[in-house]
Amino acid sequence: MPLFKKRTAGKPGEWYYCLEHKKVEEGPECPAKDRFGPYATRTEAEHAMEKARERNLQWENDPAWHDAPKGGDED
């Protein structure tokens, strides 16, 4: 008996965005490494890549994540 059961079918109402197939799926059809989610609605899953781009942009512009001073040495 396997220690972990491979879950292939999701629950109704769980939505995912598959990064490999670039499509929305109800319940996980693809491996976890290839998807974003779960989302509460299909619409949220459809906008997963937009949300990821927004979050990446916020992170790139967050001064708390950039500890190297700009403009050279300030010692």
C-alpha atoms as a PDB file:
ATOM      1  CA  MET A   1       0.000   0.000   0.000  1.00  0.00           C
ATOM      2  CA  PRO A   2       1.495   3.383  -0.992  1.00  0.00           C
ATOM      3  CA  LEU A   3       2.223   5.908   1.696  1.00  0.00           C
ATOM      4  CA  PHE A   4       0.707   8.763  -0.274  1.00  0.00           C
ATOM      5  CA  LYS A   5      -2.285   8.364  -2.536  1.00  0.00           C
ATOM      6  CA  LYS A   6      -1.921  10.098  -5.881  1.00  0.00           C
ATOM      7  CA  ARG A   7      -4.803  12.533  -6.214  1.00  0.00           C
ATOM      8  CA  THR A   8      -5.913  12.867  -9.798  1.00  0.00           C
ATOM      9  CA  ALA A   9      -9.511  14.050  -9.473  1.00  0.00           C
ATOM     10  CA  GLY A  10     -10.300  17.341  -7.823  1.00  0.00           C
ATOM     11  CA  LYS A  11     -13.347  18.504  -6.008  1.00  0.00           C
ATOM     12  CA  PRO A  12     -16.124  20.162  -7.973  1.00  0.00           C
ATOM     13  CA  GLY A  13     -15.681  23.904  -7.697  1.00  0.00           C
ATOM     14  CA  GLU A  14     -11.876  23.832  -7.456  1.00  0.00           C
ATOM     15  CA  TRP A  15     -10.398  25.642 -10.427  1.00  0.00           C
ATOM     16  CA  TYR A  16      -6.772  25.554 -11.579  1.00  0.00           C
ATOM     17  CA  TYR A  17      -4.703  27.139 -14.324  1.00  0.00           C
ATOM     18  CA  CYS A  18      -2.437  24.631 -16.083  1.00  0.00           C
ATOM     19  CA  LEU A  19       0.908  26.224 -16.982  1.00  0.00           C
ATOM     20  CA  GLU A  20       1.810  23.463 -19.419  1.00  0.00           C
ATOM     21  CA  HIS A  21      -1.415  23.406 -21.442  1.00  0.00           C
ATOM     22  CA  LYS A  22      -2.274  27.081 -20.793  1.00  0.00           C
ATOM     23  CA  LYS A  23      -5.865  26.290 -19.935  1.00  0.00           C
ATOM     24  CA  VAL A  24      -8.291  26.385 -17.038  1.00  0.00           C
ATOM     25  CA  GLU A  25      -9.342  23.060 -15.566  1.00  0.00           C
ATOM     26  CA  GLU A  26     -11.865  22.095 -12.924  1.00  0.00           C
ATOM     27  CA  GLY A  27     -10.148  19.886 -10.407  1.00  0.00           C
ATOM     28  CA  PRO A  28      -6.459  19.167 -10.859  1.00  0.00           C
ATOM     29  CA  GLU A  29      -5.889  17.299 -14.086  1.00  0.00           C
ATOM     30  CA  CYS A  30      -2.161  18.030 -14.299  1.00  0.00           C
ATOM     31  CA  PRO A  31       0.629  17.608 -11.717  1.00  0.00           C
ATOM     32  CA  ALA A  32       0.950  20.272  -9.017  1.00  0.00           C
ATOM     33  CA  LYS A  33       4.265  21.472 -10.459  1.00  0.00           C
ATOM     34  CA  ASP A  34       2.422  22.536 -13.628  1.00  0.00           C
ATOM     35  CA  ARG A  35      -0.499  24.485 -12.191  1.00  0.00           C
ATOM     36  CA  PHE A  36      -1.649  27.497 -10.179  1.00  0.00           C
ATOM     37  CA  GLY A  37      -4.574  27.151  -7.811  1.00  0.00           C
ATOM     38  CA  PRO A  38      -6.981  26.222  -6.464  1.00  0.00           C
ATOM     39  CA  TYR A  39      -9.190  29.199  -7.231  1.00  0.00           C
ATOM     40  CA  ALA A  40     -12.785  29.628  -6.079  1.00  0.00           C
ATOM     41  CA  THR A  41     -14.112  30.497  -9.533  1.00  0.00           C
ATOM     42  CA  ARG A  42     -13.316  29.787 -13.165  1.00  0.00           C
ATOM     43  CA  THR A  43     -12.863  33.532 -13.754  1.00  0.00           C
ATOM     44  CA  GLU A  44     -10.163  33.764 -11.085  1.00  0.00           C
ATOM     45  CA  ALA A  45      -8.320  30.849 -12.678  1.00  0.00           C
ATOM     46  CA  GLU A  46      -8.607  32.466 -16.122  1.00  0.00           C
ATOM     47  CA  HIS A  47      -6.785  35.530 -14.763  1.00  0.00           C
ATOM     48  CA  ALA A  48      -4.062  33.577 -12.936  1.00  0.00           C
ATOM     49  CA  MET A  49      -1.256  34.680 -15.245  1.00  0.00           C
ATOM     50  CA  GLU A  50      -2.288  38.353 -15.033  1.00  0.00           C
ATOM     51  CA  LYS A  51      -2.283  38.118 -11.233  1.00  0.00           C
ATOM     52  CA  ALA A  52       1.151  36.464 -11.286  1.00  0.00           C
ATOM     53  CA  ARG A  53       2.530  39.259 -13.508  1.00  0.00           C
ATOM     54  CA  GLU A  54       1.097  41.897 -11.157  1.00  0.00           C
ATOM     55  CA  ARG A  55       2.632  40.210  -8.112  1.00  0.00           C
ATOM     56  CA  ASN A  56       6.007  39.823  -9.837  1.00  0.00           C
ATOM     57  CA  LEU A  57       6.004  43.522 -10.718  1.00  0.00           C
ATOM     58  CA  GLN A  58       5.153  44.458  -7.128  1.00  0.00           C
ATOM     59  CA  TRP A  59       7.971  42.257  -5.859  1.00  0.00           C
ATOM     60  CA  GLU A  60      10.486  43.680  -8.342  1.00  0.00           C
ATOM     61  CA  ASN A  61       9.631  47.217  -7.222  1.00  0.00           C
ATOM     62  CA  ASP A  62       9.509  46.504  -3.474  1.00  0.00           C
ATOM     63  CA  PRO A  63      12.486  48.228  -1.811  1.00  0.00           C
ATOM     64  CA  ALA A  64      12.429  45.707   1.038  1.00  0.00           C
ATOM     65  CA  TRP A  65      13.634  43.028  -1.411  1.00  0.00           C
ATOM     66  CA  HIS A  66      16.474  45.122  -2.855  1.00  0.00           C
ATOM     67  CA  ASP A  67      19.147  45.677  -0.234  1.00  0.00           C
ATOM     68  CA  ALA A  68      21.958  46.701  -2.619  1.00  0.00           C
ATOM     69  CA  PRO A  69      22.324  50.501  -2.708  1.00  0.00           C
ATOM     70  CA  LYS A  70      21.811  52.172  -6.057  1.00  0.00           C
ATOM     71  CA  GLY A  71      24.382  54.565  -7.434  1.00  0.00           C
ATOM     72  CA  GLY A  72      27.595  52.942  -6.215  1.00  0.00           C
ATOM     73  CA  ASP A  73      29.464  53.078  -2.911  1.00  0.00           C
ATOM     74  CA  GLU A  74      28.018  55.179  -0.123  1.00  0.00           C
ATOM     75  CA  ASP A  75      30.554  54.329   2.623  1.00  0.00           C
END
